[in-house]
Amino acid sequence: YRDPNLTETLDIYDQIADYIENFNVSEKELTKILIGCVGRLDPPMTADRKGSVSMVEYLTGKTYELKQKRRDELLSTRLEDIKSFAVLFRKIKESGNICVLGNDEKIKKSKNRFDHLVKVFD
């Protein structure tokens, strides 16, 4: 994926810590958000897709118990848990490390965001 809006995306990433720190929703709204997240963990599947997913889970050792633990942890998330990630994102931003894959032209237009550029693919 080559982000067509590289500069704008990096600007958004720079704001994540502040956004999370100031994130405020009611308990009811947070519950709705978390239920939506659980829905993404367990989307409706065709029989064919269920078979494919089951095989991958078996081969990778992903058990029902592990999936249920993930659901339980997600549903027990509190607003404070989310806000605690602001510190992590602030540290990431302050580290100054940025890595992107993209179109040469777009990256060069945003070159002031990088200390140096490394061409990985020809």
PDB file of N, CA and C in Angstrom:
ATOM      1  N   TYR A   1       0.837  -1.179   0.000  1.00  0.00           N
ATOM      2  CA  TYR A   1       0.000   0.000   0.000  1.00  0.00           C
ATOM      3  C   TYR A   1       0.879   1.237   0.000  1.00  0.00           C
ATOM      4  N   ARG A   2       0.618   2.116  -0.906  1.00  0.00           N
ATOM      5  CA  ARG A   2       1.352   3.382  -0.981  1.00  0.00           C
ATOM      6  C   ARG A   2       0.398   4.509  -0.636  1.00  0.00           C
ATOM      7  N   ASP A   3       0.596   5.089   0.508  1.00  0.00           N
ATOM      8  CA  ASP A   3      -0.285   6.142   1.008  1.00  0.00           C
ATOM      9  C   ASP A   3      -0.208   7.364   0.093  1.00  0.00           C
ATOM     10  N   PRO A   4      -1.329   7.756  -0.503  1.00  0.00           N
ATOM     11  CA  PRO A   4      -1.310   8.924  -1.387  1.00  0.00           C
ATOM     12  C   PRO A   4      -1.230  10.246  -0.612  1.00  0.00           C
ATOM     13  N   ASN A   5      -1.391  10.191   0.699  1.00  0.00           N
ATOM     14  CA  ASN A   5      -1.390  11.397   1.538  1.00  0.00           C
ATOM     15  C   ASN A   5      -0.349  11.283   2.645  1.00  0.00           C
ATOM     16  N   LEU A   6       0.878  11.025   2.259  1.00  0.00           N
ATOM     17  CA  LEU A   6       1.935  10.723   3.225  1.00  0.00           C
ATOM     18  C   LEU A   6       2.103  11.813   4.283  1.00  0.00           C
ATOM     19  N   THR A   7       2.233  13.048   3.870  1.00  0.00           N
ATOM     20  CA  THR A   7       2.440  14.132   4.831  1.00  0.00           C
ATOM     21  C   THR A   7       1.281  14.239   5.808  1.00  0.00           C
ATOM     22  N   GLU A   8       0.064  14.155   5.288  1.00  0.00           N
ATOM     23  CA  GLU A   8      -1.116  14.246   6.143  1.00  0.00           C
ATOM     24  C   GLU A   8      -1.177  13.076   7.127  1.00  0.00           C
ATOM     25  N   THR A   9      -0.823  11.891   6.653  1.00  0.00           N
ATOM     26  CA  THR A   9      -0.822  10.710   7.521  1.00  0.00           C
ATOM     27  C   THR A   9       0.196  10.875   8.647  1.00  0.00           C
ATOM     28  N   LEU A  10       1.395  11.340   8.311  1.00  0.00           N
ATOM     29  CA  LEU A  10       2.416  11.551   9.340  1.00  0.00           C
ATOM     30  C   LEU A  10       1.984  12.623  10.339  1.00  0.00           C
ATOM     31  N   ASP A  11       1.291  13.646   9.853  1.00  0.00           N
ATOM     32  CA  ASP A  11       0.764  14.677  10.760  1.00  0.00           C
ATOM     33  C   ASP A  11      -0.242  14.072  11.739  1.00  0.00           C
ATOM     34  N   ILE A  12      -1.098  13.189  11.236  1.00  0.00           N
ATOM     35  CA  ILE A  12      -2.082  12.514  12.099  1.00  0.00           C
ATOM     36  C   ILE A  12      -1.366  11.652  13.133  1.00  0.00           C
ATOM     37  N   TYR A  13      -0.350  10.901  12.699  1.00  0.00           N
ATOM     38  CA  TYR A  13       0.404  10.074  13.641  1.00  0.00           C
ATOM     39  C   TYR A  13       1.020  10.929  14.747  1.00  0.00           C
ATOM     40  N   ASP A  14       1.484  12.123  14.385  1.00  0.00           N
ATOM     41  CA  ASP A  14       2.078  13.015  15.379  1.00  0.00           C
ATOM     42  C   ASP A  14       1.068  13.451  16.440  1.00  0.00           C
ATOM     43  N   GLN A  15      -0.210  13.391  16.123  1.00  0.00           N
ATOM     44  CA  GLN A  15      -1.259  13.854  17.031  1.00  0.00           C
ATOM     45  C   GLN A  15      -1.898  12.732  17.862  1.00  0.00           C
ATOM     46  N   ILE A  16      -1.488  11.485  17.623  1.00  0.00           N
ATOM     47  CA  ILE A  16      -2.144  10.348  18.280  1.00  0.00           C
ATOM     48  C   ILE A  16      -2.081  10.440  19.803  1.00  0.00           C
ATOM     49  N   ALA A  17      -0.912  10.758  20.357  1.00  0.00           N
ATOM     50  CA  ALA A  17      -0.774  10.799  21.822  1.00  0.00           C
ATOM     51  C   ALA A  17      -1.738  11.806  22.433  1.00  0.00           C
ATOM     52  N   ASP A  18      -1.809  12.992  21.848  1.00  0.00           N
ATOM     53  CA  ASP A  18      -2.725  14.014  22.373  1.00  0.00           C
ATOM     54  C   ASP A  18      -4.177  13.571  22.235  1.00  0.00           C
ATOM     55  N   TYR A  19      -4.495  12.954  21.099  1.00  0.00           N
ATOM     56  CA  TYR A  19      -5.868  12.498  20.877  1.00  0.00           C
ATOM     57  C   TYR A  19      -6.270  11.473  21.937  1.00  0.00           C
ATOM     58  N   ILE A  20      -5.399  10.498  22.161  1.00  0.00           N
ATOM     59  CA  ILE A  20      -5.710   9.448  23.141  1.00  0.00           C
ATOM     60  C   ILE A  20      -5.801  10.037  24.549  1.00  0.00           C
ATOM     61  N   GLU A  21      -4.884  10.926  24.867  1.00  0.00           N
ATOM     62  CA  GLU A  21      -4.877  11.536  26.191  1.00  0.00           C
ATOM     63  C   GLU A  21      -6.170  12.311  26.463  1.00  0.00           C
ATOM     64  N   ASN A  22      -6.720  12.923  25.426  1.00  0.00           N
ATOM     65  CA  ASN A  22      -7.937  13.732  25.563  1.00  0.00           C
ATOM     66  C   ASN A  22      -9.206  12.983  25.172  1.00  0.00           C
ATOM     67  N   PHE A  23      -9.080  11.697  24.874  1.00  0.00           N
ATOM     68  CA  PHE A  23     -10.222  10.891  24.441  1.00  0.00           C
ATOM     69  C   PHE A  23     -11.207  10.737  25.592  1.00  0.00           C
ATOM     70  N   ASN A  24     -12.433  11.148  25.380  1.00  0.00           N
ATOM     71  CA  ASN A  24     -13.464  11.032  26.410  1.00  0.00           C
ATOM     72  C   ASN A  24     -14.772  10.583  25.782  1.00  0.00           C
ATOM     73  N   VAL A  25     -15.279   9.480  26.269  1.00  0.00           N
ATOM     74  CA  VAL A  25     -16.592   8.985  25.860  1.00  0.00           C
ATOM     75  C   VAL A  25     -17.289   8.469  27.115  1.00  0.00           C
ATOM     76  N   SER A  26     -18.591   8.398  27.029  1.00  0.00           N
ATOM     77  CA  SER A  26     -19.340   7.840  28.159  1.00  0.00           C
ATOM     78  C   SER A  26     -19.081   6.338  28.240  1.00  0.00           C
ATOM     79  N   GLU A  27     -19.412   5.756  29.377  1.00  0.00           N
ATOM     80  CA  GLU A  27     -19.248   4.309  29.535  1.00  0.00           C
ATOM     81  C   GLU A  27     -20.110   3.558  28.519  1.00  0.00           C
ATOM     82  N   LYS A  28     -21.295   4.084  28.263  1.00  0.00           N
ATOM     83  CA  LYS A  28     -22.199   3.461  27.291  1.00  0.00           C
ATOM     84  C   LYS A  28     -21.587   3.492  25.883  1.00  0.00           C
ATOM     85  N   GLU A  29     -21.026   4.624  25.503  1.00  0.00           N
ATOM     86  CA  GLU A  29     -20.407   4.750  24.180  1.00  0.00           C
ATOM     87  C   GLU A  29     -19.176   3.852  24.072  1.00  0.00           C
ATOM     88  N   LEU A  30     -18.383   3.780  25.138  1.00  0.00           N
ATOM     89  CA  LEU A  30     -17.209   2.907  25.135  1.00  0.00           C
ATOM     90  C   LEU A  30     -17.636   1.454  24.969  1.00  0.00           C
ATOM     91  N   THR A  31     -18.698   1.053  25.636  1.00  0.00           N
ATOM     92  CA  THR A  31     -19.209  -0.314  25.501  1.00  0.00           C
ATOM     93  C   THR A  31     -19.596  -0.596  24.057  1.00  0.00           C
ATOM     94  N   LYS A  32     -20.251   0.352  23.405  1.00  0.00           N
ATOM     95  CA  LYS A  32     -20.624   0.173  21.995  1.00  0.00           C
ATOM     96  C   LYS A  32     -19.387   0.013  21.114  1.00  0.00           C
ATOM     97  N   ILE A  33     -18.371   0.824  21.377  1.00  0.00           N
ATOM     98  CA  ILE A  33     -17.126   0.735  20.606  1.00  0.00           C
ATOM     99  C   ILE A  33     -16.483  -0.635  20.797  1.00  0.00           C
ATOM    100  N   LEU A  34     -16.419  -1.093  22.043  1.00  0.00           N
ATOM    101  CA  LEU A  34     -15.775  -2.374  22.338  1.00  0.00           C
ATOM    102  C   LEU A  34     -16.545  -3.543  21.743  1.00  0.00           C
ATOM    103  N   ILE A  35     -17.864  -3.483  21.779  1.00  0.00           N
ATOM    104  CA  ILE A  35     -18.672  -4.542  21.163  1.00  0.00           C
ATOM    105  C   ILE A  35     -18.411  -4.575  19.659  1.00  0.00           C
ATOM    106  N   GLY A  36     -18.260  -3.405  19.053  1.00  0.00           N
ATOM    107  CA  GLY A  36     -17.920  -3.348  17.633  1.00  0.00           C
ATOM    108  C   GLY A  36     -16.580  -3.999  17.343  1.00  0.00           C
ATOM    109  N   CYS A  37     -15.628  -3.813  18.245  1.00  0.00           N
ATOM    110  CA  CYS A  37     -14.311  -4.445  18.084  1.00  0.00           C
ATOM    111  C   CYS A  37     -14.413  -5.959  18.178  1.00  0.00           C
ATOM    112  N   VAL A  38     -15.213  -6.444  19.113  1.00  0.00           N
ATOM    113  CA  VAL A  38     -15.406  -7.894  19.247  1.00  0.00           C
ATOM    114  C   VAL A  38     -16.046  -8.438  17.977  1.00  0.00           C
ATOM    115  N   GLY A  39     -16.975  -7.689  17.414  1.00  0.00           N
ATOM    116  CA  GLY A  39     -17.612  -8.106  16.165  1.00  0.00           C
ATOM    117  C   GLY A  39     -16.608  -8.282  15.039  1.00  0.00           C
ATOM    118  N   ARG A  40     -15.552  -7.482  15.067  1.00  0.00           N
ATOM    119  CA  ARG A  40     -14.510  -7.625  14.043  1.00  0.00           C
ATOM    120  C   ARG A  40     -13.653  -8.857  14.288  1.00  0.00           C
ATOM    121  N   LEU A  41     -13.565  -9.274  15.551  1.00  0.00           N
ATOM    122  CA  LEU A  41     -12.816 -10.498  15.859  1.00  0.00           C
ATOM    123  C   LEU A  41     -13.571 -11.732  15.383  1.00  0.00           C
ATOM    124  N   ASP A  42     -14.889 -11.653  15.403  1.00  0.00           N
ATOM    125  CA  ASP A  42     -15.737 -12.794  15.058  1.00  0.00           C
ATOM    126  C   ASP A  42     -16.731 -12.431  13.950  1.00  0.00           C
ATOM    127  N   PRO A  43     -16.237 -12.129  12.759  1.00  0.00           N
ATOM    128  CA  PRO A  43     -17.173 -11.757  11.693  1.00  0.00           C
ATOM    129  C   PRO A  43     -17.941 -12.978  11.188  1.00  0.00           C
ATOM    130  N   PRO A  44     -19.114 -12.759  10.617  1.00  0.00           N
ATOM    131  CA  PRO A  44     -19.832 -13.882  10.005  1.00  0.00           C
ATOM    132  C   PRO A  44     -18.969 -14.483   8.887  1.00  0.00           C
ATOM    133  N   MET A  45     -18.999 -15.807   8.774  1.00  0.00           N
ATOM    134  CA  MET A  45     -18.176 -16.481   7.762  1.00  0.00           C
ATOM    135  C   MET A  45     -18.979 -17.535   7.027  1.00  0.00           C
ATOM    136  N   THR A  46     -18.622 -17.721   5.782  1.00  0.00           N
ATOM    137  CA  THR A  46     -19.198 -18.817   5.007  1.00  0.00           C
ATOM    138  C   THR A  46     -18.599 -20.120   5.526  1.00  0.00           C
ATOM    139  N   ALA A  47     -19.194 -21.225   5.165  1.00  0.00           N
ATOM    140  CA  ALA A  47     -18.679 -22.534   5.589  1.00  0.00           C
ATOM    141  C   ALA A  47     -17.248 -22.729   5.091  1.00  0.00           C
ATOM    142  N   ASP A  48     -16.984 -22.316   3.862  1.00  0.00           N
ATOM    143  CA  ASP A  48     -15.652 -22.440   3.284  1.00  0.00           C
ATOM    144  C   ASP A  48     -14.635 -21.629   4.090  1.00  0.00           C
ATOM    145  N   ARG A  49     -15.001 -20.418   4.435  1.00  0.00           N
ATOM    146  CA  ARG A  49     -14.112 -19.541   5.198  1.00  0.00           C
ATOM    147  C   ARG A  49     -13.880 -20.096   6.608  1.00  0.00           C
ATOM    148  N   LYS A  50     -14.933 -20.644   7.221  1.00  0.00           N
ATOM    149  CA  LYS A  50     -14.788 -21.254   8.550  1.00  0.00           C
ATOM    150  C   LYS A  50     -13.764 -22.382   8.511  1.00  0.00           C
ATOM    151  N   GLY A  51     -13.833 -23.193   7.469  1.00  0.00           N
ATOM    152  CA  GLY A  51     -12.886 -24.295   7.328  1.00  0.00           C
ATOM    153  C   GLY A  51     -11.462 -23.798   7.179  1.00  0.00           C
ATOM    154  N   SER A  52     -11.291 -22.772   6.364  1.00  0.00           N
ATOM    155  CA  SER A  52      -9.966 -22.201   6.140  1.00  0.00           C
ATOM    156  C   SER A  52      -9.401 -21.593   7.424  1.00  0.00           C
ATOM    157  N   VAL A  53     -10.220 -20.819   8.122  1.00  0.00           N
ATOM    158  CA  VAL A  53      -9.786 -20.191   9.372  1.00  0.00           C
ATOM    159  C   VAL A  53      -9.470 -21.256  10.419  1.00  0.00           C
ATOM    160  N   SER A  54     -10.302 -22.279  10.511  1.00  0.00           N
ATOM    161  CA  SER A  54     -10.071 -23.363  11.480  1.00  0.00           C
ATOM    162  C   SER A  54      -8.743 -24.057  11.228  1.00  0.00           C
ATOM    163  N   MET A  55      -8.425 -24.284   9.956  1.00  0.00           N
ATOM    164  CA  MET A  55      -7.167 -24.946   9.625  1.00  0.00           C
ATOM    165  C   MET A  55      -5.982 -24.074  10.052  1.00  0.00           C
ATOM    166  N   VAL A  56      -6.032 -22.788   9.736  1.00  0.00           N
ATOM    167  CA  VAL A  56      -4.947 -21.881  10.104  1.00  0.00           C
ATOM    168  C   VAL A  56      -4.809 -21.804  11.625  1.00  0.00           C
ATOM    169  N   GLU A  57      -5.929 -21.723  12.328  1.00  0.00           N
ATOM    170  CA  GLU A  57      -5.877 -21.666  13.792  1.00  0.00           C
ATOM    171  C   GLU A  57      -5.293 -22.951  14.372  1.00  0.00           C
ATOM    172  N   TYR A  58      -5.655 -24.072  13.808  1.00  0.00           N
ATOM    173  CA  TYR A  58      -5.115 -25.352  14.271  1.00  0.00           C
ATOM    174  C   TYR A  58      -3.600 -25.394  14.052  1.00  0.00           C
ATOM    175  N   LEU A  59      -3.171 -25.000  12.856  1.00  0.00           N
ATOM    176  CA  LEU A  59      -1.747 -25.056  12.516  1.00  0.00           C
ATOM    177  C   LEU A  59      -0.913 -24.062  13.327  1.00  0.00           C
ATOM    178  N   THR A  60      -1.514 -22.962  13.732  1.00  0.00           N
ATOM    179  CA  THR A  60      -0.777 -21.947  14.490  1.00  0.00           C
ATOM    180  C   THR A  60      -0.983 -22.068  15.993  1.00  0.00           C
ATOM    181  N   GLY A  61      -1.801 -23.019  16.412  1.00  0.00           N
ATOM    182  CA  GLY A  61      -2.021 -23.240  17.838  1.00  0.00           C
ATOM    183  C   GLY A  61      -2.943 -22.224  18.493  1.00  0.00           C
ATOM    184  N   LYS A  62      -3.736 -21.541  17.701  1.00  0.00           N
ATOM    185  CA  LYS A  62      -4.674 -20.556  18.247  1.00  0.00           C
ATOM    186  C   LYS A  62      -5.916 -21.294  18.729  1.00  0.00           C
ATOM    187  N   THR A  63      -6.066 -21.375  20.029  1.00  0.00           N
ATOM    188  CA  THR A  63      -7.156 -22.149  20.615  1.00  0.00           C
ATOM    189  C   THR A  63      -8.387 -21.281  20.861  1.00  0.00           C
ATOM    190  N   TYR A  64      -9.504 -21.946  21.108  1.00  0.00           N
ATOM    191  CA  TYR A  64     -10.732 -21.239  21.461  1.00  0.00           C
ATOM    192  C   TYR A  64     -10.516 -20.443  22.746  1.00  0.00           C
ATOM    193  N   GLU A  65      -9.806 -21.040  23.705  1.00  0.00           N
ATOM    194  CA  GLU A  65      -9.549 -20.378  24.981  1.00  0.00           C
ATOM    195  C   GLU A  65      -8.758 -19.082  24.785  1.00  0.00           C
ATOM    196  N   LEU A  66      -7.793 -19.122  23.893  1.00  0.00           N
ATOM    197  CA  LEU A  66      -7.002 -17.930  23.599  1.00  0.00           C
ATOM    198  C   LEU A  66      -7.874 -16.840  22.975  1.00  0.00           C
ATOM    199  N   LYS A  67      -8.743 -17.236  22.062  1.00  0.00           N
ATOM    200  CA  LYS A  67      -9.654 -16.274  21.438  1.00  0.00           C
ATOM    201  C   LYS A  67     -10.624 -15.699  22.468  1.00  0.00           C
ATOM    202  N   GLN A  68     -11.114 -16.547  23.372  1.00  0.00           N
ATOM    203  CA  GLN A  68     -12.041 -16.073  24.395  1.00  0.00           C
ATOM    204  C   GLN A  68     -11.341 -15.120  25.361  1.00  0.00           C
ATOM    205  N   LYS A  69     -10.097 -15.415  25.680  1.00  0.00           N
ATOM    206  CA  LYS A  69      -9.325 -14.528  26.559  1.00  0.00           C
ATOM    207  C   LYS A  69      -9.199 -13.149  25.920  1.00  0.00           C
ATOM    208  N   ARG A  70      -8.931 -13.125  24.632  1.00  0.00           N
ATOM    209  CA  ARG A  70      -8.818 -11.855  23.906  1.00  0.00           C
ATOM    210  C   ARG A  70     -10.141 -11.087  23.959  1.00  0.00           C
ATOM    211  N   ARG A  71     -11.246 -11.786  23.738  1.00  0.00           N
ATOM    212  CA  ARG A  71     -12.574 -11.149  23.805  1.00  0.00           C
ATOM    213  C   ARG A  71     -12.823 -10.568  25.200  1.00  0.00           C
ATOM    214  N   ASP A  72     -12.542 -11.374  26.232  1.00  0.00           N
ATOM    215  CA  ASP A  72     -12.766 -10.941  27.615  1.00  0.00           C
ATOM    216  C   ASP A  72     -11.926  -9.710  27.958  1.00  0.00           C
ATOM    217  N   GLU A  73     -10.660  -9.726  27.533  1.00  0.00           N
ATOM    218  CA  GLU A  73      -9.787  -8.584  27.791  1.00  0.00           C
ATOM    219  C   GLU A  73     -10.312  -7.338  27.083  1.00  0.00           C
ATOM    220  N   LEU A  74     -10.745  -7.519  25.866  1.00  0.00           N
ATOM    221  CA  LEU A  74     -11.274  -6.395  25.097  1.00  0.00           C
ATOM    222  C   LEU A  74     -12.506  -5.810  25.775  1.00  0.00           C
ATOM    223  N   LEU A  75     -13.424  -6.671  26.169  1.00  0.00           N
ATOM    224  CA  LEU A  75     -14.676  -6.206  26.774  1.00  0.00           C
ATOM    225  C   LEU A  75     -14.487  -5.614  28.172  1.00  0.00           C
ATOM    226  N   SER A  76     -13.361  -5.906  28.815  1.00  0.00           N
ATOM    227  CA  SER A  76     -13.110  -5.340  30.145  1.00  0.00           C
ATOM    228  C   SER A  76     -12.265  -4.062  30.077  1.00  0.00           C
ATOM    229  N   THR A  77     -11.984  -3.598  28.872  1.00  0.00           N
ATOM    230  CA  THR A  77     -11.192  -2.381  28.695  1.00  0.00           C
ATOM    231  C   THR A  77     -11.923  -1.177  29.272  1.00  0.00           C
ATOM    232  N   ARG A  78     -11.174  -0.359  29.988  1.00  0.00           N
ATOM    233  CA  ARG A  78     -11.731   0.871  30.564  1.00  0.00           C
ATOM    234  C   ARG A  78     -11.116   2.073  29.846  1.00  0.00           C
ATOM    235  N   LEU A  79     -11.736   3.197  29.974  1.00  0.00           N
ATOM    236  CA  LEU A  79     -11.238   4.418  29.346  1.00  0.00           C
ATOM    237  C   LEU A  79      -9.806   4.712  29.793  1.00  0.00           C
ATOM    238  N   GLU A  80      -9.510   4.465  31.054  1.00  0.00           N
ATOM    239  CA  GLU A  80      -8.160   4.698  31.576  1.00  0.00           C
ATOM    240  C   GLU A  80      -7.135   3.799  30.882  1.00  0.00           C
ATOM    241  N   ASP A  81      -7.548   2.576  30.528  1.00  0.00           N
ATOM    242  CA  ASP A  81      -6.648   1.662  29.818  1.00  0.00           C
ATOM    243  C   ASP A  81      -6.251   2.255  28.470  1.00  0.00           C
ATOM    244  N   ILE A  82      -7.229   2.807  27.774  1.00  0.00           N
ATOM    245  CA  ILE A  82      -6.968   3.414  26.469  1.00  0.00           C
ATOM    246  C   ILE A  82      -6.058   4.628  26.633  1.00  0.00           C
ATOM    247  N   LYS A  83      -6.383   5.481  27.585  1.00  0.00           N
ATOM    248  CA  LYS A  83      -5.605   6.702  27.800  1.00  0.00           C
ATOM    249  C   LYS A  83      -4.160   6.401  28.198  1.00  0.00           C
ATOM    250  N   SER A  84      -3.929   5.270  28.828  1.00  0.00           N
ATOM    251  CA  SER A  84      -2.569   4.927  29.256  1.00  0.00           C
ATOM    252  C   SER A  84      -1.624   4.748  28.066  1.00  0.00           C
ATOM    253  N   PHE A  85      -2.163   4.513  26.880  1.00  0.00           N
ATOM    254  CA  PHE A  85      -1.328   4.347  25.693  1.00  0.00           C
ATOM    255  C   PHE A  85      -0.773   5.668  25.175  1.00  0.00           C
ATOM    256  N   ALA A  86      -1.275   6.785  25.667  1.00  0.00           N
ATOM    257  CA  ALA A  86      -0.762   8.091  25.238  1.00  0.00           C
ATOM    258  C   ALA A  86       0.735   8.194  25.519  1.00  0.00           C
ATOM    259  N   VAL A  87       1.168   7.681  26.661  1.00  0.00           N
ATOM    260  CA  VAL A  87       2.585   7.721  27.033  1.00  0.00           C
ATOM    261  C   VAL A  87       3.420   6.973  25.997  1.00  0.00           C
ATOM    262  N   LEU A  88       2.969   5.793  25.604  1.00  0.00           N
ATOM    263  CA  LEU A  88       3.688   4.990  24.619  1.00  0.00           C
ATOM    264  C   LEU A  88       3.799   5.727  23.287  1.00  0.00           C
ATOM    265  N   PHE A  89       2.687   6.261  22.798  1.00  0.00           N
ATOM    266  CA  PHE A  89       2.714   6.958  21.513  1.00  0.00           C
ATOM    267  C   PHE A  89       3.562   8.228  21.576  1.00  0.00           C
ATOM    268  N   ARG A  90       3.584   8.888  22.722  1.00  0.00           N
ATOM    269  CA  ARG A  90       4.425  10.074  22.870  1.00  0.00           C
ATOM    270  C   ARG A  90       5.903   9.673  22.802  1.00  0.00           C
ATOM    271  N   LYS A  91       6.263   8.567  23.435  1.00  0.00           N
ATOM    272  CA  LYS A  91       7.651   8.089  23.387  1.00  0.00           C
ATOM    273  C   LYS A  91       8.048   7.710  21.964  1.00  0.00           C
ATOM    274  N   ILE A  92       7.125   7.081  21.243  1.00  0.00           N
ATOM    275  CA  ILE A  92       7.410   6.708  19.855  1.00  0.00           C
ATOM    276  C   ILE A  92       7.683   7.960  19.033  1.00  0.00           C
ATOM    277  N   LYS A  93       6.840   8.970  19.187  1.00  0.00           N
ATOM    278  CA  LYS A  93       7.024  10.218  18.440  1.00  0.00           C
ATOM    279  C   LYS A  93       8.356  10.869  18.807  1.00  0.00           C
ATOM    280  N   GLU A  94       8.651  10.914  20.101  1.00  0.00           N
ATOM    281  CA  GLU A  94       9.880  11.560  20.566  1.00  0.00           C
ATOM    282  C   GLU A  94      11.136  10.816  20.129  1.00  0.00           C
ATOM    283  N   SER A  95      11.014   9.522  19.823  1.00  0.00           N
ATOM    284  CA  SER A  95      12.179   8.759  19.369  1.00  0.00           C
ATOM    285  C   SER A  95      12.667   9.252  18.016  1.00  0.00           C
ATOM    286  N   GLY A  96      11.757   9.857  17.248  1.00  0.00           N
ATOM    287  CA  GLY A  96      12.136  10.394  15.944  1.00  0.00           C
ATOM    288  C   GLY A  96      12.230   9.363  14.840  1.00  0.00           C
ATOM    289  N   ASN A  97      11.907   8.122  15.134  1.00  0.00           N
ATOM    290  CA  ASN A  97      11.977   7.079  14.111  1.00  0.00           C
ATOM    291  C   ASN A  97      10.698   7.044  13.289  1.00  0.00           C
ATOM    292  N   ILE A  98      10.858   7.126  11.977  1.00  0.00           N
ATOM    293  CA  ILE A  98       9.725   7.041  11.057  1.00  0.00           C
ATOM    294  C   ILE A  98      10.122   6.084   9.945  1.00  0.00           C
ATOM    295  N   CYS A  99       9.231   5.176   9.629  1.00  0.00           N
ATOM    296  CA  CYS A  99       9.477   4.240   8.536  1.00  0.00           C
ATOM    297  C   CYS A  99       8.243   4.198   7.657  1.00  0.00           C
ATOM    298  N   VAL A 100       8.434   4.440   6.374  1.00  0.00           N
ATOM    299  CA  VAL A 100       7.322   4.369   5.431  1.00  0.00           C
ATOM    300  C   VAL A 100       7.776   3.636   4.180  1.00  0.00           C
ATOM    301  N   LEU A 101       6.841   3.009   3.519  1.00  0.00           N
ATOM    302  CA  LEU A 101       7.058   2.449   2.191  1.00  0.00           C
ATOM    303  C   LEU A 101       6.169   3.245   1.267  1.00  0.00           C
ATOM    304  N   GLY A 102       6.703   3.678   0.162  1.00  0.00           N
ATOM    305  CA  GLY A 102       5.832   4.443  -0.711  1.00  0.00           C
ATOM    306  C   GLY A 102       6.481   4.870  -2.001  1.00  0.00           C
ATOM    307  N   ASN A 103       5.747   5.657  -2.708  1.00  0.00           N
ATOM    308  CA  ASN A 103       6.125   6.216  -3.985  1.00  0.00           C
ATOM    309  C   ASN A 103       7.293   7.196  -3.789  1.00  0.00           C
ATOM    310  N   ASP A 104       8.347   7.048  -4.610  1.00  0.00           N
ATOM    311  CA  ASP A 104       9.527   7.919  -4.505  1.00  0.00           C
ATOM    312  C   ASP A 104       9.154   9.392  -4.511  1.00  0.00           C
ATOM    313  N   GLU A 105       8.271   9.752  -5.417  1.00  0.00           N
ATOM    314  CA  GLU A 105       7.885  11.156  -5.573  1.00  0.00           C
ATOM    315  C   GLU A 105       7.241  11.695  -4.294  1.00  0.00           C
ATOM    316  N   LYS A 106       6.318  10.931  -3.729  1.00  0.00           N
ATOM    317  CA  LYS A 106       5.629  11.357  -2.506  1.00  0.00           C
ATOM    318  C   LYS A 106       6.609  11.459  -1.333  1.00  0.00           C
ATOM    319  N   ILE A 107       7.508  10.490  -1.240  1.00  0.00           N
ATOM    320  CA  ILE A 107       8.475  10.499  -0.145  1.00  0.00           C
ATOM    321  C   ILE A 107       9.414  11.694  -0.281  1.00  0.00           C
ATOM    322  N   LYS A 108       9.864  11.967  -1.496  1.00  0.00           N
ATOM    323  CA  LYS A 108      10.763  13.110  -1.706  1.00  0.00           C
ATOM    324  C   LYS A 108      10.065  14.434  -1.416  1.00  0.00           C
ATOM    325  N   LYS A 109       8.763  14.514  -1.677  1.00  0.00           N
ATOM    326  CA  LYS A 109       8.012  15.732  -1.353  1.00  0.00           C
ATOM    327  C   LYS A 109       7.940  15.941   0.161  1.00  0.00           C
ATOM    328  N   SER A 110       8.031  14.859   0.906  1.00  0.00           N
ATOM    329  CA  SER A 110       7.955  14.927   2.373  1.00  0.00           C
ATOM    330  C   SER A 110       9.321  14.739   3.021  1.00  0.00           C
ATOM    331  N   LYS A 111      10.396  14.920   2.246  1.00  0.00           N
ATOM    332  CA  LYS A 111      11.737  14.593   2.744  1.00  0.00           C
ATOM    333  C   LYS A 111      12.145  15.391   3.982  1.00  0.00           C
ATOM    334  N   ASN A 112      11.517  16.543   4.207  1.00  0.00           N
ATOM    335  CA  ASN A 112      11.841  17.308   5.413  1.00  0.00           C
ATOM    336  C   ASN A 112      11.418  16.575   6.689  1.00  0.00           C
ATOM    337  N   ARG A 113      10.602  15.545   6.557  1.00  0.00           N
ATOM    338  CA  ARG A 113      10.155  14.748   7.708  1.00  0.00           C
ATOM    339  C   ARG A 113      11.173  13.674   8.097  1.00  0.00           C
ATOM    340  N   PHE A 114      12.172  13.443   7.245  1.00  0.00           N
ATOM    341  CA  PHE A 114      13.106  12.334   7.451  1.00  0.00           C
ATOM    342  C   PHE A 114      14.538  12.837   7.587  1.00  0.00           C
ATOM    343  N   ASP A 115      15.309  12.194   8.459  1.00  0.00           N
ATOM    344  CA  ASP A 115      16.735  12.509   8.571  1.00  0.00           C
ATOM    345  C   ASP A 115      17.502  11.947   7.386  1.00  0.00           C
ATOM    346  N   HIS A 116      17.102  10.758   6.961  1.00  0.00           N
ATOM    347  CA  HIS A 116      17.714  10.163   5.773  1.00  0.00           C
ATOM    348  C   HIS A 116      16.718   9.197   5.137  1.00  0.00           C
ATOM    349  N   LEU A 117      16.933   8.955   3.858  1.00  0.00           N
ATOM    350  CA  LEU A 117      16.063   8.054   3.105  1.00  0.00           C
ATOM    351  C   LEU A 117      16.856   6.820   2.711  1.00  0.00           C
ATOM    352  N   VAL A 118      16.222   5.672   2.800  1.00  0.00           N
ATOM    353  CA  VAL A 118      16.844   4.410   2.413  1.00  0.00           C
ATOM    354  C   VAL A 118      15.947   3.757   1.377  1.00  0.00           C
ATOM    355  N   LYS A 119      16.504   3.485   0.207  1.00  0.00           N
ATOM    356  CA  LYS A 119      15.735   2.807  -0.830  1.00  0.00           C
ATOM    357  C   LYS A 119      15.847   1.305  -0.587  1.00  0.00           C
ATOM    358  N   VAL A 120      14.717   0.673  -0.318  1.00  0.00           N
ATOM    359  CA  VAL A 120      14.701  -0.744   0.022  1.00  0.00           C
ATOM    360  C   VAL A 120      14.448  -1.597  -1.212  1.00  0.00           C
ATOM    361  N   PHE A 121      13.562  -1.132  -2.092  1.00  0.00           N
ATOM    362  CA  PHE A 121      13.199  -1.888  -3.289  1.00  0.00           C
ATOM    363  C   PHE A 121      13.593  -1.111  -4.536  1.00  0.00           C
ATOM    364  N   ASP A 122      13.954  -1.838  -5.581  1.00  0.00           N
ATOM    365  CA  ASP A 122      14.231  -1.199  -6.884  1.00  0.00           C
ATOM    366  C   ASP A 122      13.027  -1.260  -7.772  1.00  0.00           C
TER     367      ASP A 122
END
